Amino acid sequence: MAKKITYKIVDGFLVIKIDGDLDNMATFQYKTKLCEIIKLNQFKQVIIDLSNVTFIDSSGIGLLLGRYNQVKQYGGHLILCGINKQIKKTIQITGIASIIDIYEDGFEQLKKSEVVL
């Protein structure tokens, strides 16, 4: 799967979708773009959809924590969704699951669920 990042604004939420591995190379490519997108409008609600992410390493975890801190500076909230079992295990081991809300459903399924966004 090719590495790419897309984003859209849905009902006032910034929804970022990441495809491919979230490793050192991807983090290097995505960090500046993500920082600029979030800073541009100082989004208060940011959802990162990881449903097409197959691998995450420590630099990917660092990228997520950095965006959490950035959104928090604006008084906002970060949600990770579309977490597969492997990614979920990595996120739980690192402890960030205790500060960032995570959902196994992807964004499209999350919108249809009873989770209040």
N, C-alpha and C. Protein backbone atom coordinates (compact mmCIF):
# COMPACT_ATOMS: atom_id res chain seq x y z
N MET A 1 0.85 -1.18 0.00
CA MET A 1 0.00 0.00 0.00
C MET A 1 0.89 1.24 0.00
N ALA A 2 0.58 2.16 -0.86
CA ALA A 2 1.34 3.40 -0.95
C ALA A 2 1.10 4.25 0.27
N LYS A 3 2.12 4.96 0.68
CA LYS A 3 2.00 5.87 1.81
C LYS A 3 1.38 7.17 1.34
N LYS A 4 0.32 7.59 2.02
CA LYS A 4 -0.26 8.88 1.69
C LYS A 4 -1.10 9.37 2.86
N ILE A 5 -1.39 10.65 2.81
CA ILE A 5 -2.20 11.27 3.84
C ILE A 5 -3.23 12.15 3.15
N THR A 6 -4.46 12.06 3.61
CA THR A 6 -5.52 12.91 3.07
C THR A 6 -6.26 13.52 4.26
N TYR A 7 -6.95 14.61 4.00
CA TYR A 7 -7.75 15.20 5.07
C TYR A 7 -8.98 15.87 4.51
N LYS A 8 -9.98 15.99 5.36
CA LYS A 8 -11.20 16.70 5.00
C LYS A 8 -11.81 17.26 6.28
N ILE A 9 -12.69 18.22 6.10
CA ILE A 9 -13.38 18.81 7.23
C ILE A 9 -14.83 18.33 7.17
N VAL A 10 -15.27 17.68 8.24
CA VAL A 10 -16.61 17.12 8.31
C VAL A 10 -17.27 17.61 9.59
N ASP A 11 -18.34 18.38 9.46
CA ASP A 11 -19.08 18.89 10.62
C ASP A 11 -18.18 19.57 11.64
N GLY A 12 -17.20 20.34 11.17
CA GLY A 12 -16.31 21.07 12.06
C GLY A 12 -15.14 20.25 12.59
N PHE A 13 -15.09 18.97 12.25
CA PHE A 13 -13.99 18.10 12.64
C PHE A 13 -12.96 18.06 11.52
N LEU A 14 -11.69 18.08 11.87
CA LEU A 14 -10.65 17.80 10.90
C LEU A 14 -10.43 16.30 10.92
N VAL A 15 -10.66 15.64 9.80
CA VAL A 15 -10.48 14.19 9.71
C VAL A 15 -9.27 13.93 8.82
N ILE A 16 -8.25 13.31 9.41
CA ILE A 16 -7.01 12.99 8.72
C ILE A 16 -6.97 11.49 8.52
N LYS A 17 -6.74 11.05 7.30
CA LYS A 17 -6.66 9.62 7.01
C LYS A 17 -5.24 9.31 6.54
N ILE A 18 -4.64 8.35 7.20
CA ILE A 18 -3.27 7.95 6.87
C ILE A 18 -3.32 6.54 6.28
N ASP A 19 -2.64 6.36 5.16
CA ASP A 19 -2.54 5.06 4.50
C ASP A 19 -1.09 4.60 4.48
N GLY A 20 -0.89 3.31 4.73
CA GLY A 20 0.44 2.74 4.69
C GLY A 20 1.08 2.71 6.06
N ASP A 21 2.35 2.39 6.10
CA ASP A 21 3.07 2.32 7.37
C ASP A 21 3.29 3.71 7.95
N LEU A 22 3.19 3.80 9.25
CA LEU A 22 3.49 5.06 9.94
C LEU A 22 4.85 4.86 10.63
N ASP A 23 5.88 4.92 9.81
CA ASP A 23 7.24 4.68 10.26
C ASP A 23 8.06 5.96 10.17
N ASN A 24 9.36 5.83 10.35
CA ASN A 24 10.25 6.99 10.37
C ASN A 24 10.14 7.81 9.08
N MET A 25 10.14 7.16 7.94
CA MET A 25 10.07 7.87 6.66
C MET A 25 8.74 8.59 6.50
N ALA A 26 7.64 7.92 6.82
CA ALA A 26 6.32 8.54 6.71
C ALA A 26 6.19 9.70 7.68
N THR A 27 6.67 9.52 8.89
CA THR A 27 6.60 10.58 9.89
C THR A 27 7.34 11.82 9.41
N PHE A 28 8.50 11.61 8.83
CA PHE A 28 9.28 12.71 8.28
C PHE A 28 8.48 13.46 7.21
N GLN A 29 7.77 12.70 6.37
CA GLN A 29 6.98 13.31 5.28
C GLN A 29 5.73 14.01 5.81
N TYR A 30 5.08 13.46 6.83
CA TYR A 30 3.78 13.93 7.27
C TYR A 30 3.81 15.03 8.33
N LYS A 31 4.85 15.08 9.12
CA LYS A 31 4.85 15.96 10.29
C LYS A 31 4.57 17.43 9.95
N THR A 32 5.31 17.98 9.03
CA THR A 32 5.14 19.39 8.67
C THR A 32 3.75 19.66 8.13
N LYS A 33 3.29 18.78 7.26
CA LYS A 33 1.97 18.95 6.65
C LYS A 33 0.87 18.91 7.73
N LEU A 34 0.95 17.95 8.62
CA LEU A 34 -0.06 17.85 9.69
C LEU A 34 -0.04 19.06 10.60
N CYS A 35 1.15 19.50 10.99
CA CYS A 35 1.26 20.68 11.85
C CYS A 35 0.61 21.89 11.20
N GLU A 36 0.88 22.09 9.91
CA GLU A 36 0.33 23.24 9.20
C GLU A 36 -1.19 23.17 9.08
N ILE A 37 -1.70 21.99 8.76
CA ILE A 37 -3.15 21.81 8.61
C ILE A 37 -3.87 22.13 9.91
N ILE A 38 -3.37 21.60 11.01
CA ILE A 38 -4.01 21.81 12.32
C ILE A 38 -3.87 23.27 12.74
N LYS A 39 -2.69 23.84 12.54
CA LYS A 39 -2.44 25.22 12.96
C LYS A 39 -3.26 26.23 12.16
N LEU A 40 -3.47 25.95 10.90
CA LEU A 40 -4.17 26.88 10.01
C LEU A 40 -5.50 27.35 10.59
N ASN A 41 -6.29 26.43 11.09
CA ASN A 41 -7.60 26.77 11.63
C ASN A 41 -7.72 26.51 13.13
N GLN A 42 -6.63 26.10 13.75
CA GLN A 42 -6.61 25.77 15.18
C GLN A 42 -7.81 24.88 15.52
N PHE A 43 -7.90 23.77 14.83
CA PHE A 43 -9.01 22.84 15.01
C PHE A 43 -9.11 22.37 16.45
N LYS A 44 -10.32 22.34 16.94
CA LYS A 44 -10.59 21.89 18.31
C LYS A 44 -10.91 20.40 18.35
N GLN A 45 -11.34 19.86 17.22
CA GLN A 45 -11.67 18.44 17.13
C GLN A 45 -10.92 17.84 15.95
N VAL A 46 -10.01 16.92 16.25
CA VAL A 46 -9.21 16.28 15.20
C VAL A 46 -9.34 14.77 15.35
N ILE A 47 -9.67 14.13 14.23
CA ILE A 47 -9.78 12.67 14.20
C ILE A 47 -8.73 12.17 13.23
N ILE A 48 -7.91 11.24 13.68
CA ILE A 48 -6.93 10.61 12.80
C ILE A 48 -7.39 9.18 12.57
N ASP A 49 -7.71 8.89 11.31
CA ASP A 49 -8.20 7.56 10.92
C ASP A 49 -7.00 6.71 10.50
N LEU A 50 -6.76 5.66 11.26
CA LEU A 50 -5.62 4.78 11.02
C LEU A 50 -6.07 3.44 10.43
N SER A 51 -7.26 3.39 9.86
CA SER A 51 -7.80 2.11 9.38
C SER A 51 -6.97 1.50 8.25
N ASN A 52 -6.17 2.29 7.55
CA ASN A 52 -5.31 1.76 6.49
C ASN A 52 -3.84 1.79 6.87
N VAL A 53 -3.56 1.91 8.16
CA VAL A 53 -2.18 1.84 8.65
C VAL A 53 -1.91 0.40 9.08
N THR A 54 -0.85 -0.17 8.54
CA THR A 54 -0.53 -1.57 8.82
C THR A 54 0.59 -1.75 9.83
N PHE A 55 1.35 -0.68 10.06
CA PHE A 55 2.50 -0.76 10.98
C PHE A 55 2.75 0.62 11.55
N ILE A 56 3.13 0.66 12.82
CA ILE A 56 3.51 1.93 13.46
C ILE A 56 4.74 1.68 14.32
N ASP A 57 5.72 2.58 14.23
CA ASP A 57 6.90 2.45 15.08
C ASP A 57 6.97 3.64 16.03
N SER A 58 8.08 3.77 16.74
CA SER A 58 8.19 4.82 17.76
C SER A 58 8.08 6.23 17.17
N SER A 59 8.56 6.42 15.95
CA SER A 59 8.43 7.74 15.35
C SER A 59 6.97 8.04 15.01
N GLY A 60 6.21 7.03 14.62
CA GLY A 60 4.79 7.20 14.38
C GLY A 60 4.04 7.54 15.66
N ILE A 61 4.42 6.88 16.75
CA ILE A 61 3.83 7.18 18.06
C ILE A 61 4.17 8.62 18.43
N GLY A 62 5.40 9.03 18.18
CA GLY A 62 5.81 10.40 18.46
C GLY A 62 5.01 11.41 17.64
N LEU A 63 4.72 11.08 16.40
CA LEU A 63 3.91 11.95 15.55
C LEU A 63 2.51 12.12 16.15
N LEU A 64 1.91 11.04 16.58
CA LEU A 64 0.57 11.10 17.18
C LEU A 64 0.58 11.91 18.48
N LEU A 65 1.58 11.67 19.31
CA LEU A 65 1.68 12.44 20.57
C LEU A 65 1.90 13.93 20.30
N GLY A 66 2.68 14.23 19.30
CA GLY A 66 2.92 15.63 18.94
C GLY A 66 1.63 16.32 18.49
N ARG A 67 0.82 15.61 17.70
CA ARG A 67 -0.45 16.19 17.26
C ARG A 67 -1.43 16.30 18.43
N TYR A 68 -1.38 15.36 19.36
CA TYR A 68 -2.20 15.45 20.57
C TYR A 68 -1.85 16.73 21.34
N ASN A 69 -0.56 16.96 21.53
CA ASN A 69 -0.12 18.15 22.27
C ASN A 69 -0.47 19.43 21.51
N GLN A 70 -0.36 19.41 20.19
CA GLN A 70 -0.69 20.58 19.39
C GLN A 70 -2.18 20.91 19.51
N VAL A 71 -3.02 19.91 19.36
CA VAL A 71 -4.47 20.12 19.45
C VAL A 71 -4.86 20.56 20.87
N LYS A 72 -4.20 19.98 21.84
CA LYS A 72 -4.47 20.33 23.24
C LYS A 72 -4.15 21.81 23.51
N GLN A 73 -3.12 22.35 22.85
CA GLN A 73 -2.77 23.77 23.01
C GLN A 73 -3.92 24.68 22.61
N TYR A 74 -4.73 24.24 21.67
CA TYR A 74 -5.87 25.02 21.20
C TYR A 74 -7.14 24.70 22.01
N GLY A 75 -6.98 23.92 23.07
CA GLY A 75 -8.13 23.52 23.87
C GLY A 75 -8.94 22.45 23.18
N GLY A 76 -8.32 21.71 22.28
CA GLY A 76 -9.02 20.73 21.48
C GLY A 76 -8.89 19.30 21.97
N HIS A 77 -9.39 18.40 21.14
CA HIS A 77 -9.50 16.99 21.48
C HIS A 77 -9.06 16.17 20.26
N LEU A 78 -8.23 15.16 20.49
CA LEU A 78 -7.76 14.28 19.42
C LEU A 78 -8.34 12.89 19.62
N ILE A 79 -8.83 12.31 18.54
CA ILE A 79 -9.37 10.95 18.55
C ILE A 79 -8.63 10.15 17.49
N LEU A 80 -8.24 8.93 17.85
CA LEU A 80 -7.67 7.99 16.89
C LEU A 80 -8.73 6.95 16.61
N CYS A 81 -8.98 6.67 15.34
CA CYS A 81 -9.97 5.64 15.02
C CYS A 81 -9.42 4.71 13.95
N GLY A 82 -10.12 3.60 13.74
CA GLY A 82 -9.70 2.61 12.75
C GLY A 82 -8.47 1.84 13.19
N ILE A 83 -8.37 1.62 14.48
CA ILE A 83 -7.19 0.96 15.05
C ILE A 83 -7.33 -0.55 14.91
N ASN A 84 -6.41 -1.20 14.20
CA ASN A 84 -6.44 -2.66 14.15
C ASN A 84 -5.77 -3.23 15.40
N LYS A 85 -5.84 -4.53 15.59
CA LYS A 85 -5.35 -5.15 16.83
C LYS A 85 -3.86 -4.93 17.05
N GLN A 86 -3.07 -4.99 15.99
CA GLN A 86 -1.62 -4.80 16.12
C GLN A 86 -1.30 -3.37 16.54
N ILE A 87 -1.93 -2.40 15.88
CA ILE A 87 -1.69 -0.99 16.20
C ILE A 87 -2.20 -0.70 17.62
N LYS A 88 -3.36 -1.24 17.96
CA LYS A 88 -3.94 -1.02 19.28
C LYS A 88 -2.99 -1.52 20.37
N LYS A 89 -2.41 -2.68 20.15
CA LYS A 89 -1.47 -3.25 21.13
C LYS A 89 -0.27 -2.32 21.31
N THR A 90 0.28 -1.83 20.22
CA THR A 90 1.42 -0.91 20.28
C THR A 90 1.04 0.36 21.04
N ILE A 91 -0.12 0.90 20.74
CA ILE A 91 -0.58 2.13 21.39
C ILE A 91 -0.82 1.90 22.88
N GLN A 92 -1.35 0.75 23.24
CA GLN A 92 -1.58 0.45 24.65
C GLN A 92 -0.26 0.26 25.40
N ILE A 93 0.70 -0.40 24.78
CA ILE A 93 2.00 -0.62 25.42
C ILE A 93 2.70 0.70 25.71
N THR A 94 2.57 1.65 24.80
CA THR A 94 3.24 2.94 24.98
C THR A 94 2.56 3.82 26.01
N GLY A 95 1.30 3.50 26.34
CA GLY A 95 0.58 4.28 27.35
C GLY A 95 -0.22 5.44 26.79
N ILE A 96 -0.14 5.70 25.49
CA ILE A 96 -0.88 6.85 24.98
C ILE A 96 -2.38 6.59 24.91
N ALA A 97 -2.77 5.33 25.02
CA ALA A 97 -4.21 5.02 25.05
C ALA A 97 -4.87 5.60 26.30
N SER A 98 -4.06 5.93 27.29
CA SER A 98 -4.63 6.50 28.51
C SER A 98 -4.89 8.01 28.38
N ILE A 99 -4.33 8.64 27.35
CA ILE A 99 -4.55 10.09 27.18
C ILE A 99 -5.29 10.45 25.89
N ILE A 100 -5.26 9.54 24.91
CA ILE A 100 -5.93 9.79 23.64
C ILE A 100 -7.06 8.78 23.48
N ASP A 101 -8.24 9.25 23.10
CA ASP A 101 -9.36 8.34 22.85
C ASP A 101 -9.10 7.55 21.59
N ILE A 102 -9.28 6.22 21.68
CA ILE A 102 -9.08 5.37 20.51
C ILE A 102 -10.33 4.54 20.28
N TYR A 103 -10.62 4.32 18.99
CA TYR A 103 -11.76 3.51 18.59
C TYR A 103 -11.32 2.57 17.49
N GLU A 104 -11.81 1.34 17.54
CA GLU A 104 -11.46 0.37 16.51
C GLU A 104 -12.14 0.68 15.19
N ASP A 105 -13.31 1.29 15.23
CA ASP A 105 -14.03 1.63 14.00
C ASP A 105 -13.31 2.74 13.25
N GLY A 106 -13.39 2.68 11.92
CA GLY A 106 -12.88 3.77 11.09
C GLY A 106 -13.84 4.94 11.15
N PHE A 107 -13.49 6.05 10.54
CA PHE A 107 -14.28 7.26 10.64
C PHE A 107 -15.70 7.07 10.12
N GLU A 108 -15.85 6.43 8.97
CA GLU A 108 -17.20 6.26 8.40
C GLU A 108 -18.09 5.45 9.34
N GLN A 109 -17.54 4.39 9.94
CA GLN A 109 -18.32 3.60 10.88
C GLN A 109 -18.54 4.36 12.18
N LEU A 110 -17.55 5.16 12.58
CA LEU A 110 -17.65 5.94 13.81
C LEU A 110 -18.79 6.95 13.70
N LYS A 111 -18.96 7.56 12.55
CA LYS A 111 -20.05 8.52 12.35
C LYS A 111 -21.41 7.85 12.53
N LYS A 112 -21.52 6.59 12.15
CA LYS A 112 -22.79 5.87 12.22
C LYS A 112 -23.05 5.28 13.60
N SER A 113 -22.03 5.21 14.43
CA SER A 113 -22.18 4.58 15.74
C SER A 113 -22.77 5.57 16.73
N GLU A 114 -22.89 5.14 17.96
CA GLU A 114 -23.46 5.98 19.01
C GLU A 114 -22.41 6.82 19.71
N VAL A 115 -21.18 6.77 19.24
CA VAL A 115 -20.12 7.57 19.83
C VAL A 115 -20.38 9.03 19.52
N VAL A 116 -20.43 9.85 20.53
CA VAL A 116 -20.67 11.27 20.35
C VAL A 116 -19.35 11.94 20.01
N LEU A 117 -19.29 12.52 18.84
CA LEU A 117 -18.05 13.19 18.42
C LEU A 117 -18.09 14.64 18.76
